[in-house]
Amino acid sequence: MADDRNRRRFTDPRTAAEAAFKAATTAKPAAAPAPPSAPRPAAVPGAREMVTLRLDSAVLAHFQKDGPGWQDRVNEALKALVPAAHD
């Protein structure tokens, strides 16, 4: 039993803190660069993309007054303004 006490390692809190700090602040070796990925396929014609758009509250209220589907109505109104966007 006396032998067991001599084998125990007592950790010093300061030593443990310094080791943790060193581990957190030591620069990690740079990872190997990722292999080049395949080029992204061209956008699917007619596919929609999610965007964030800021609109005046009056414009938003106009399109939302008829209920669900207001995003489609905004899309149609914008599409009518862009000559190349007609299907």
C-alpha atoms as a PDB file:
ATOM      1  CA  MET A   1       0.000   0.000   0.000  1.00  0.00           C
ATOM      2  CA  ALA A   2       2.849   2.361   0.758  1.00  0.00           C
ATOM      3  CA  ASP A   3       4.107   1.534  -2.695  1.00  0.00           C
ATOM      4  CA  ASP A   4       0.816   2.776  -4.240  1.00  0.00           C
ATOM      5  CA  ARG A   5       1.200   6.180  -2.602  1.00  0.00           C
ATOM      6  CA  ASN A   6       4.630   6.647  -4.075  1.00  0.00           C
ATOM      7  CA  ARG A   7       3.359   5.837  -7.579  1.00  0.00           C
ATOM      8  CA  ARG A   8       0.634   8.498  -7.517  1.00  0.00           C
ATOM      9  CA  ARG A   9       1.344  11.626  -9.456  1.00  0.00           C
ATOM     10  CA  PHE A  10       0.137  14.764  -7.801  1.00  0.00           C
ATOM     11  CA  THR A  11      -0.545  17.535 -10.259  1.00  0.00           C
ATOM     12  CA  ASP A  12       0.311  21.080  -9.425  1.00  0.00           C
ATOM     13  CA  PRO A  13      -2.561  23.424 -10.434  1.00  0.00           C
ATOM     14  CA  ARG A  14      -0.089  25.974 -11.776  1.00  0.00           C
ATOM     15  CA  THR A  15       1.630  23.356 -13.944  1.00  0.00           C
ATOM     16  CA  ALA A  16      -1.732  22.132 -15.215  1.00  0.00           C
ATOM     17  CA  ALA A  17      -2.835  25.712 -16.021  1.00  0.00           C
ATOM     18  CA  GLU A  18       0.418  26.488 -17.817  1.00  0.00           C
ATOM     19  CA  ALA A  19       0.123  23.286 -19.862  1.00  0.00           C
ATOM     20  CA  ALA A  20      -3.462  24.146 -20.830  1.00  0.00           C
ATOM     21  CA  PHE A  21      -2.447  27.708 -21.774  1.00  0.00           C
ATOM     22  CA  LYS A  22       0.460  26.452 -23.857  1.00  0.00           C
ATOM     23  CA  ALA A  23      -1.775  23.960 -25.650  1.00  0.00           C
ATOM     24  CA  ALA A  24      -4.325  26.675 -26.411  1.00  0.00           C
ATOM     25  CA  THR A  25      -1.822  29.268 -27.619  1.00  0.00           C
ATOM     26  CA  THR A  26       0.644  27.124 -29.536  1.00  0.00           C
ATOM     27  CA  ALA A  27       0.193  27.393 -33.285  1.00  0.00           C
ATOM     28  CA  LYS A  28      -1.097  24.215 -34.799  1.00  0.00           C
ATOM     29  CA  PRO A  29       0.665  22.909 -37.910  1.00  0.00           C
ATOM     30  CA  ALA A  30      -1.115  23.946 -41.072  1.00  0.00           C
ATOM     31  CA  ALA A  31      -3.324  21.253 -42.524  1.00  0.00           C
ATOM     32  CA  ALA A  32      -2.587  20.028 -46.005  1.00  0.00           C
ATOM     33  CA  PRO A  33      -4.566  21.981 -48.577  1.00  0.00           C
ATOM     34  CA  ALA A  34      -7.746  20.293 -49.667  1.00  0.00           C
ATOM     35  CA  PRO A  35      -7.664  18.771 -53.121  1.00  0.00           C
ATOM     36  CA  PRO A  36      -9.284  20.990 -55.718  1.00  0.00           C
ATOM     37  CA  SER A  37     -12.978  20.322 -55.873  1.00  0.00           C
ATOM     38  CA  ALA A  38     -14.856  19.721 -59.067  1.00  0.00           C
ATOM     39  CA  PRO A  39     -16.294  22.872 -60.591  1.00  0.00           C
ATOM     40  CA  ARG A  40     -19.819  23.644 -59.514  1.00  0.00           C
ATOM     41  CA  PRO A  41     -22.428  22.784 -62.107  1.00  0.00           C
ATOM     42  CA  ALA A  42     -24.105  25.655 -63.869  1.00  0.00           C
ATOM     43  CA  ALA A  43     -27.298  26.891 -62.272  1.00  0.00           C
ATOM     44  CA  VAL A  44     -30.381  24.944 -63.220  1.00  0.00           C
ATOM     45  CA  PRO A  45     -32.563  27.067 -65.504  1.00  0.00           C
ATOM     46  CA  GLY A  46     -35.606  28.321 -63.663  1.00  0.00           C
ATOM     47  CA  ALA A  47     -34.191  27.403 -60.237  1.00  0.00           C
ATOM     48  CA  ARG A  48     -34.659  29.912 -57.489  1.00  0.00           C
ATOM     49  CA  GLU A  49     -32.040  31.114 -55.073  1.00  0.00           C
ATOM     50  CA  MET A  50     -32.590  32.142 -51.488  1.00  0.00           C
ATOM     51  CA  VAL A  51     -31.624  35.777 -50.904  1.00  0.00           C
ATOM     52  CA  THR A  52     -32.104  38.464 -48.315  1.00  0.00           C
ATOM     53  CA  LEU A  53     -33.770  41.562 -49.662  1.00  0.00           C
ATOM     54  CA  ARG A  54     -34.663  44.796 -47.910  1.00  0.00           C
ATOM     55  CA  LEU A  55     -37.968  46.283 -49.036  1.00  0.00           C
ATOM     56  CA  ASP A  56     -39.902  49.320 -47.934  1.00  0.00           C
ATOM     57  CA  SER A  57     -42.678  48.341 -45.552  1.00  0.00           C
ATOM     58  CA  ALA A  58     -45.316  49.725 -47.961  1.00  0.00           C
ATOM     59  CA  VAL A  59     -43.989  47.543 -50.792  1.00  0.00           C
ATOM     60  CA  LEU A  60     -43.964  44.484 -48.555  1.00  0.00           C
ATOM     61  CA  ALA A  61     -47.491  45.212 -47.308  1.00  0.00           C
ATOM     62  CA  HIS A  62     -48.705  45.518 -50.917  1.00  0.00           C
ATOM     63  CA  PHE A  63     -47.477  42.038 -51.830  1.00  0.00           C
ATOM     64  CA  GLN A  64     -48.498  40.427 -48.534  1.00  0.00           C
ATOM     65  CA  LYS A  65     -52.066  41.799 -48.476  1.00  0.00           C
ATOM     66  CA  ASP A  66     -53.348  38.897 -50.592  1.00  0.00           C
ATOM     67  CA  GLY A  67     -51.856  36.318 -48.237  1.00  0.00           C
ATOM     68  CA  PRO A  68     -49.618  33.336 -48.953  1.00  0.00           C
ATOM     69  CA  GLY A  69     -47.704  33.362 -52.219  1.00  0.00           C
ATOM     70  CA  TRP A  70     -46.486  36.918 -51.786  1.00  0.00           C
ATOM     71  CA  GLN A  71     -42.894  35.884 -52.575  1.00  0.00           C
ATOM     72  CA  ASP A  72     -44.064  34.464 -55.912  1.00  0.00           C
ATOM     73  CA  ARG A  73     -45.875  37.733 -56.623  1.00  0.00           C
ATOM     74  CA  VAL A  74     -42.715  39.736 -55.860  1.00  0.00           C
ATOM     75  CA  ASN A  75     -40.760  37.409 -58.161  1.00  0.00           C
ATOM     76  CA  GLU A  76     -43.277  37.841 -60.992  1.00  0.00           C
ATOM     77  CA  ALA A  77     -43.267  41.635 -60.627  1.00  0.00           C
ATOM     78  CA  LEU A  78     -39.475  41.735 -60.744  1.00  0.00           C
ATOM     79  CA  LYS A  79     -39.337  39.282 -63.630  1.00  0.00           C
ATOM     80  CA  ALA A  80     -41.650  41.558 -65.630  1.00  0.00           C
ATOM     81  CA  LEU A  81     -39.078  44.355 -65.235  1.00  0.00           C
ATOM     82  CA  VAL A  82     -36.117  42.301 -66.477  1.00  0.00           C
ATOM     83  CA  PRO A  83     -36.322  41.542 -70.224  1.00  0.00           C
ATOM     84  CA  ALA A  84     -33.907  38.562 -70.079  1.00  0.00           C
ATOM     85  CA  ALA A  85     -35.786  36.913 -67.209  1.00  0.00           C
ATOM     86  CA  HIS A  86     -38.843  35.862 -69.261  1.00  0.00           C
ATOM     87  CA  ASP A  87     -39.033  32.100 -69.748  1.00  0.00           C
END
